[in-house]
N, C-alpha and C. Protein backbone atom coordinates (compact mmCIF):
# COMPACT_ATOMS: atom_id res chain seq x y z
N MET A 1 -13.43 55.95 42.44
CA MET A 1 -14.42 54.97 42.09
C MET A 1 -14.28 54.65 40.61
N TRP A 2 -14.55 53.41 40.24
CA TRP A 2 -14.43 53.01 38.85
C TRP A 2 -15.32 51.82 38.55
N THR A 3 -15.49 51.56 37.25
CA THR A 3 -16.29 50.45 36.77
C THR A 3 -15.66 49.93 35.49
N ALA A 4 -16.22 48.88 34.94
CA ALA A 4 -15.76 48.35 33.66
C ALA A 4 -16.85 48.61 32.63
N LEU A 5 -16.45 49.07 31.46
CA LEU A 5 -17.39 49.32 30.38
C LEU A 5 -17.27 48.25 29.30
N TRP A 6 -18.32 48.06 28.56
CA TRP A 6 -18.29 47.16 27.42
C TRP A 6 -17.41 47.80 26.34
N PRO A 7 -16.87 46.99 25.42
CA PRO A 7 -16.03 47.54 24.36
C PRO A 7 -16.73 48.68 23.61
N ARG A 8 -16.00 49.76 23.42
CA ARG A 8 -16.48 50.97 22.73
C ARG A 8 -17.71 51.57 23.39
N GLY A 9 -17.99 51.19 24.63
CA GLY A 9 -19.13 51.76 25.35
C GLY A 9 -20.48 51.27 24.85
N VAL A 10 -20.49 50.14 24.14
CA VAL A 10 -21.73 49.61 23.58
C VAL A 10 -22.05 48.27 24.23
N VAL A 11 -23.19 48.20 24.90
CA VAL A 11 -23.69 46.95 25.46
C VAL A 11 -24.45 46.24 24.35
N VAL A 12 -24.01 45.06 23.97
CA VAL A 12 -24.71 44.27 22.96
C VAL A 12 -25.45 43.16 23.70
N ALA A 13 -26.75 43.34 23.82
CA ALA A 13 -27.57 42.42 24.61
C ALA A 13 -27.98 41.22 23.79
N THR A 14 -27.35 40.09 24.06
CA THR A 14 -27.76 38.84 23.45
C THR A 14 -29.05 38.38 24.13
N PRO A 15 -29.76 37.43 23.56
CA PRO A 15 -31.06 37.03 24.12
C PRO A 15 -31.03 36.67 25.61
N ASP A 16 -29.93 36.16 26.12
CA ASP A 16 -29.88 35.79 27.54
C ASP A 16 -29.89 37.01 28.46
N TYR A 17 -29.69 38.22 27.94
CA TYR A 17 -29.77 39.45 28.73
C TYR A 17 -31.13 40.13 28.63
N VAL A 18 -31.97 39.69 27.70
CA VAL A 18 -33.25 40.35 27.44
C VAL A 18 -34.36 39.66 28.24
N ASN A 19 -35.05 40.43 29.06
CA ASN A 19 -36.15 39.91 29.88
C ASN A 19 -37.43 39.82 29.05
N ARG A 20 -38.41 39.12 29.58
CA ARG A 20 -39.68 38.93 28.86
C ARG A 20 -40.36 40.24 28.48
N ASP A 21 -40.17 41.28 29.31
CA ASP A 21 -40.80 42.58 29.02
C ASP A 21 -39.98 43.43 28.05
N GLY A 22 -38.87 42.89 27.54
CA GLY A 22 -38.02 43.61 26.59
C GLY A 22 -36.91 44.41 27.24
N SER A 23 -36.91 44.51 28.56
CA SER A 23 -35.83 45.21 29.26
C SER A 23 -34.54 44.39 29.17
N VAL A 24 -33.43 45.06 29.39
CA VAL A 24 -32.11 44.42 29.31
C VAL A 24 -31.49 44.45 30.70
N GLY A 25 -31.24 43.27 31.26
CA GLY A 25 -30.67 43.18 32.61
C GLY A 25 -29.34 42.45 32.60
N MET A 26 -28.42 42.96 33.41
CA MET A 26 -27.09 42.35 33.48
C MET A 26 -26.38 42.71 34.78
N LYS A 27 -25.35 41.95 35.08
CA LYS A 27 -24.50 42.27 36.22
C LYS A 27 -23.57 43.40 35.80
N TRP A 28 -23.24 44.27 36.78
CA TRP A 28 -22.33 45.39 36.48
C TRP A 28 -21.41 45.58 37.68
N PRO A 29 -20.08 45.56 37.48
CA PRO A 29 -19.14 45.69 38.59
C PRO A 29 -18.80 47.14 38.93
N TRP A 30 -18.56 47.40 40.19
CA TRP A 30 -18.12 48.71 40.67
C TRP A 30 -17.00 48.49 41.69
N TRP A 31 -16.10 49.45 41.78
CA TRP A 31 -15.04 49.43 42.79
C TRP A 31 -14.91 50.84 43.36
N TRP A 32 -14.59 50.93 44.64
CA TRP A 32 -14.32 52.23 45.26
C TRP A 32 -13.48 52.02 46.50
N GLN A 33 -12.92 53.11 47.01
CA GLN A 33 -12.09 53.07 48.21
C GLN A 33 -12.93 53.39 49.43
N LYS A 34 -12.56 52.82 50.55
CA LYS A 34 -13.31 52.97 51.80
C LYS A 34 -13.54 54.43 52.18
N ARG A 35 -12.59 55.31 51.87
CA ARG A 35 -12.71 56.71 52.28
C ARG A 35 -13.94 57.39 51.66
N PHE A 36 -14.49 56.82 50.58
CA PHE A 36 -15.67 57.42 49.96
C PHE A 36 -16.94 57.13 50.74
N GLY A 37 -16.99 56.02 51.45
CA GLY A 37 -18.19 55.60 52.16
C GLY A 37 -18.47 54.14 51.88
N SER A 38 -19.72 53.71 52.15
CA SER A 38 -19.99 52.30 51.99
C SER A 38 -21.31 51.95 51.32
N ASP A 39 -22.11 52.92 50.93
CA ASP A 39 -23.40 52.62 50.30
C ASP A 39 -23.40 53.08 48.86
N LEU A 40 -23.41 52.13 47.94
CA LEU A 40 -23.47 52.42 46.52
C LEU A 40 -24.91 52.69 46.11
N VAL A 41 -25.11 53.75 45.35
CA VAL A 41 -26.42 54.08 44.77
C VAL A 41 -26.20 54.25 43.27
N ILE A 42 -27.04 53.59 42.47
CA ILE A 42 -26.92 53.67 41.01
C ILE A 42 -28.21 54.25 40.44
N THR A 43 -28.08 55.26 39.60
CA THR A 43 -29.23 55.86 38.92
C THR A 43 -28.91 55.96 37.44
N GLY A 44 -29.93 56.15 36.63
CA GLY A 44 -29.68 56.31 35.20
C GLY A 44 -30.91 56.73 34.46
N ARG A 45 -30.65 57.38 33.32
CA ARG A 45 -31.75 57.87 32.48
C ARG A 45 -31.38 57.70 31.03
N ARG A 46 -32.41 57.49 30.22
CA ARG A 46 -32.19 57.38 28.78
C ARG A 46 -32.06 58.78 28.20
N LEU A 47 -31.07 58.98 27.34
CA LEU A 47 -30.78 60.29 26.79
C LEU A 47 -31.43 60.54 25.43
N ASP A 48 -31.68 59.50 24.65
CA ASP A 48 -32.13 59.70 23.28
C ASP A 48 -33.63 59.51 23.05
N ALA A 49 -34.38 59.20 24.09
CA ALA A 49 -35.83 59.03 23.97
C ALA A 49 -36.41 58.94 25.38
N ALA A 50 -37.70 59.09 25.47
CA ALA A 50 -38.37 58.95 26.77
C ALA A 50 -38.38 57.48 27.18
N ALA A 51 -38.10 57.24 28.44
CA ALA A 51 -38.12 55.88 29.00
C ALA A 51 -38.12 55.99 30.51
N PRO A 52 -38.65 54.99 31.20
CA PRO A 52 -38.52 54.98 32.66
C PRO A 52 -37.04 54.92 33.04
N PRO A 53 -36.69 55.36 34.25
CA PRO A 53 -35.30 55.26 34.68
C PRO A 53 -34.87 53.80 34.82
N LEU A 54 -33.58 53.57 34.72
CA LEU A 54 -33.08 52.20 34.94
C LEU A 54 -33.29 51.81 36.39
N THR A 55 -33.25 50.54 36.66
CA THR A 55 -33.31 50.06 38.04
C THR A 55 -32.01 49.33 38.35
N ALA A 56 -31.65 49.34 39.62
CA ALA A 56 -30.41 48.69 40.05
C ALA A 56 -30.68 47.83 41.27
N ASP A 57 -30.09 46.65 41.26
CA ASP A 57 -30.15 45.74 42.39
C ASP A 57 -28.74 45.69 42.97
N ILE A 58 -28.58 46.19 44.19
CA ILE A 58 -27.26 46.27 44.80
C ILE A 58 -27.23 45.33 46.00
N ILE A 59 -26.34 44.38 45.93
CA ILE A 59 -26.21 43.38 46.99
C ILE A 59 -25.58 44.02 48.21
N GLY A 60 -26.19 43.85 49.38
CA GLY A 60 -25.67 44.43 50.62
C GLY A 60 -24.47 43.67 51.15
N GLY A 61 -23.82 44.27 52.13
CA GLY A 61 -22.71 43.62 52.80
C GLY A 61 -21.33 44.02 52.31
N TYR A 62 -21.26 44.90 51.33
CA TYR A 62 -19.98 45.35 50.81
C TYR A 62 -19.70 46.75 51.35
N GLU A 63 -18.52 46.95 51.93
CA GLU A 63 -18.17 48.25 52.51
C GLU A 63 -17.20 49.03 51.65
N ALA A 64 -16.44 48.38 50.83
CA ALA A 64 -15.48 49.03 49.93
C ALA A 64 -14.87 47.97 49.04
N GLY A 65 -14.16 48.42 48.03
CA GLY A 65 -13.55 47.47 47.10
C GLY A 65 -14.55 47.09 46.03
N PHE A 66 -14.64 45.82 45.74
CA PHE A 66 -15.52 45.33 44.68
C PHE A 66 -16.97 45.27 45.15
N GLN A 67 -17.90 45.73 44.29
CA GLN A 67 -19.33 45.69 44.58
C GLN A 67 -20.07 45.22 43.33
N PRO A 68 -20.61 44.02 43.36
CA PRO A 68 -21.42 43.61 42.21
C PRO A 68 -22.79 44.27 42.27
N SER A 69 -23.36 44.50 41.11
CA SER A 69 -24.72 45.04 41.05
C SER A 69 -25.42 44.44 39.84
N GLY A 70 -26.71 44.58 39.83
CA GLY A 70 -27.50 44.23 38.66
C GLY A 70 -28.15 45.51 38.15
N ILE A 71 -28.03 45.78 36.87
CA ILE A 71 -28.65 46.95 36.27
C ILE A 71 -29.65 46.46 35.22
N THR A 72 -30.84 47.04 35.25
CA THR A 72 -31.85 46.73 34.24
C THR A 72 -32.19 48.02 33.49
N PHE A 73 -31.93 48.00 32.19
CA PHE A 73 -32.28 49.10 31.30
C PHE A 73 -33.67 48.79 30.75
N PRO A 74 -34.67 49.63 31.00
CA PRO A 74 -36.03 49.32 30.55
C PRO A 74 -36.17 49.15 29.04
N THR A 75 -35.31 49.85 28.28
CA THR A 75 -35.35 49.78 26.81
C THR A 75 -33.93 49.87 26.28
N PRO A 76 -33.69 49.39 25.07
CA PRO A 76 -32.41 49.69 24.42
C PRO A 76 -32.34 51.19 24.17
N GLY A 77 -31.15 51.71 23.95
CA GLY A 77 -30.97 53.13 23.66
C GLY A 77 -29.70 53.65 24.29
N CYS A 78 -29.57 54.97 24.32
CA CYS A 78 -28.41 55.65 24.88
C CYS A 78 -28.72 56.01 26.33
N TRP A 79 -27.91 55.49 27.26
CA TRP A 79 -28.17 55.65 28.69
C TRP A 79 -27.02 56.34 29.41
N GLU A 80 -27.38 57.26 30.30
CA GLU A 80 -26.43 57.87 31.23
C GLU A 80 -26.60 57.15 32.56
N VAL A 81 -25.50 56.63 33.10
CA VAL A 81 -25.52 55.86 34.34
C VAL A 81 -24.60 56.55 35.35
N THR A 82 -25.08 56.71 36.57
CA THR A 82 -24.27 57.33 37.62
C THR A 82 -24.24 56.42 38.84
N GLY A 83 -23.03 56.15 39.32
CA GLY A 83 -22.84 55.44 40.59
C GLY A 83 -22.34 56.43 41.61
N ARG A 84 -22.89 56.37 42.83
CA ARG A 84 -22.48 57.28 43.90
C ARG A 84 -22.17 56.49 45.17
N VAL A 85 -21.10 56.90 45.83
CA VAL A 85 -20.77 56.42 47.17
C VAL A 85 -20.34 57.64 47.95
N GLY A 86 -21.12 58.03 48.93
CA GLY A 86 -20.82 59.25 49.67
C GLY A 86 -20.79 60.43 48.71
N ALA A 87 -19.72 61.24 48.79
CA ALA A 87 -19.59 62.41 47.91
C ALA A 87 -18.97 62.06 46.56
N ALA A 88 -18.48 60.83 46.40
CA ALA A 88 -17.86 60.42 45.13
C ALA A 88 -18.93 59.95 44.15
N GLN A 89 -18.73 60.29 42.89
CA GLN A 89 -19.64 59.78 41.88
C GLN A 89 -18.90 59.55 40.58
N LEU A 90 -19.43 58.61 39.80
CA LEU A 90 -18.89 58.29 38.49
C LEU A 90 -20.07 58.21 37.53
N THR A 91 -20.00 58.97 36.44
CA THR A 91 -21.05 58.97 35.43
C THR A 91 -20.45 58.55 34.09
N PHE A 92 -21.16 57.69 33.39
CA PHE A 92 -20.74 57.30 32.05
C PHE A 92 -21.97 57.18 31.16
N VAL A 93 -21.74 57.19 29.86
CA VAL A 93 -22.82 57.02 28.88
C VAL A 93 -22.52 55.75 28.11
N THR A 94 -23.55 54.93 27.92
CA THR A 94 -23.40 53.69 27.18
C THR A 94 -24.58 53.50 26.24
N LEU A 95 -24.34 52.87 25.13
CA LEU A 95 -25.39 52.55 24.19
C LEU A 95 -25.79 51.10 24.42
N VAL A 96 -27.07 50.86 24.64
CA VAL A 96 -27.58 49.50 24.85
C VAL A 96 -28.28 49.10 23.55
N ARG A 97 -27.80 48.02 22.92
CA ARG A 97 -28.35 47.53 21.65
C ARG A 97 -28.73 46.07 21.80
N LEU A 98 -29.74 45.67 21.08
CA LEU A 98 -30.08 44.25 21.02
C LEU A 98 -29.21 43.59 19.98
N SER A 99 -28.75 42.39 20.28
CA SER A 99 -27.92 41.64 19.36
C SER A 99 -28.73 41.24 18.13
N ALA A 100 -28.07 41.21 17.00
CA ALA A 100 -28.73 40.75 15.77
C ALA A 100 -28.85 39.23 15.75
N THR A 101 -28.17 38.57 16.69
CA THR A 101 -28.20 37.11 16.74
C THR A 101 -29.50 36.62 17.34
N ARG A 102 -30.18 35.75 16.65
CA ARG A 102 -31.41 35.17 17.14
C ARG A 102 -31.08 33.93 17.96
N PRO A 103 -31.92 33.57 18.95
CA PRO A 103 -31.65 32.41 19.81
C PRO A 103 -31.51 31.11 19.02
N ASP A 104 -32.17 30.97 17.88
CA ASP A 104 -32.11 29.72 17.13
C ASP A 104 -31.05 29.74 16.03
N SER A 105 -30.20 30.77 16.03
CA SER A 105 -29.16 30.88 14.99
C SER A 105 -27.97 30.03 15.33
């Protein structure tokens, strides 16, 4: 199983990724082989401060190969994210930061 990470493991959330409540939401790709199973589950927790767990929106109908998902990080910070399909799992750590660019810049 594998995924794509942002450069240097840092998600830079420009205003179009930031929701009204301040959470950061984006699409996130996953790939896996059929032998692992067919149901992707994504979980995550903030490592550097207290925060609710991330939420994931996983589109149904994918059995293997490419699987798009939506991940919402409730707050910026350092996040551990785990994707699981059957007994296979992939965990990574990413830093979610707000962009210094303002919408009117």
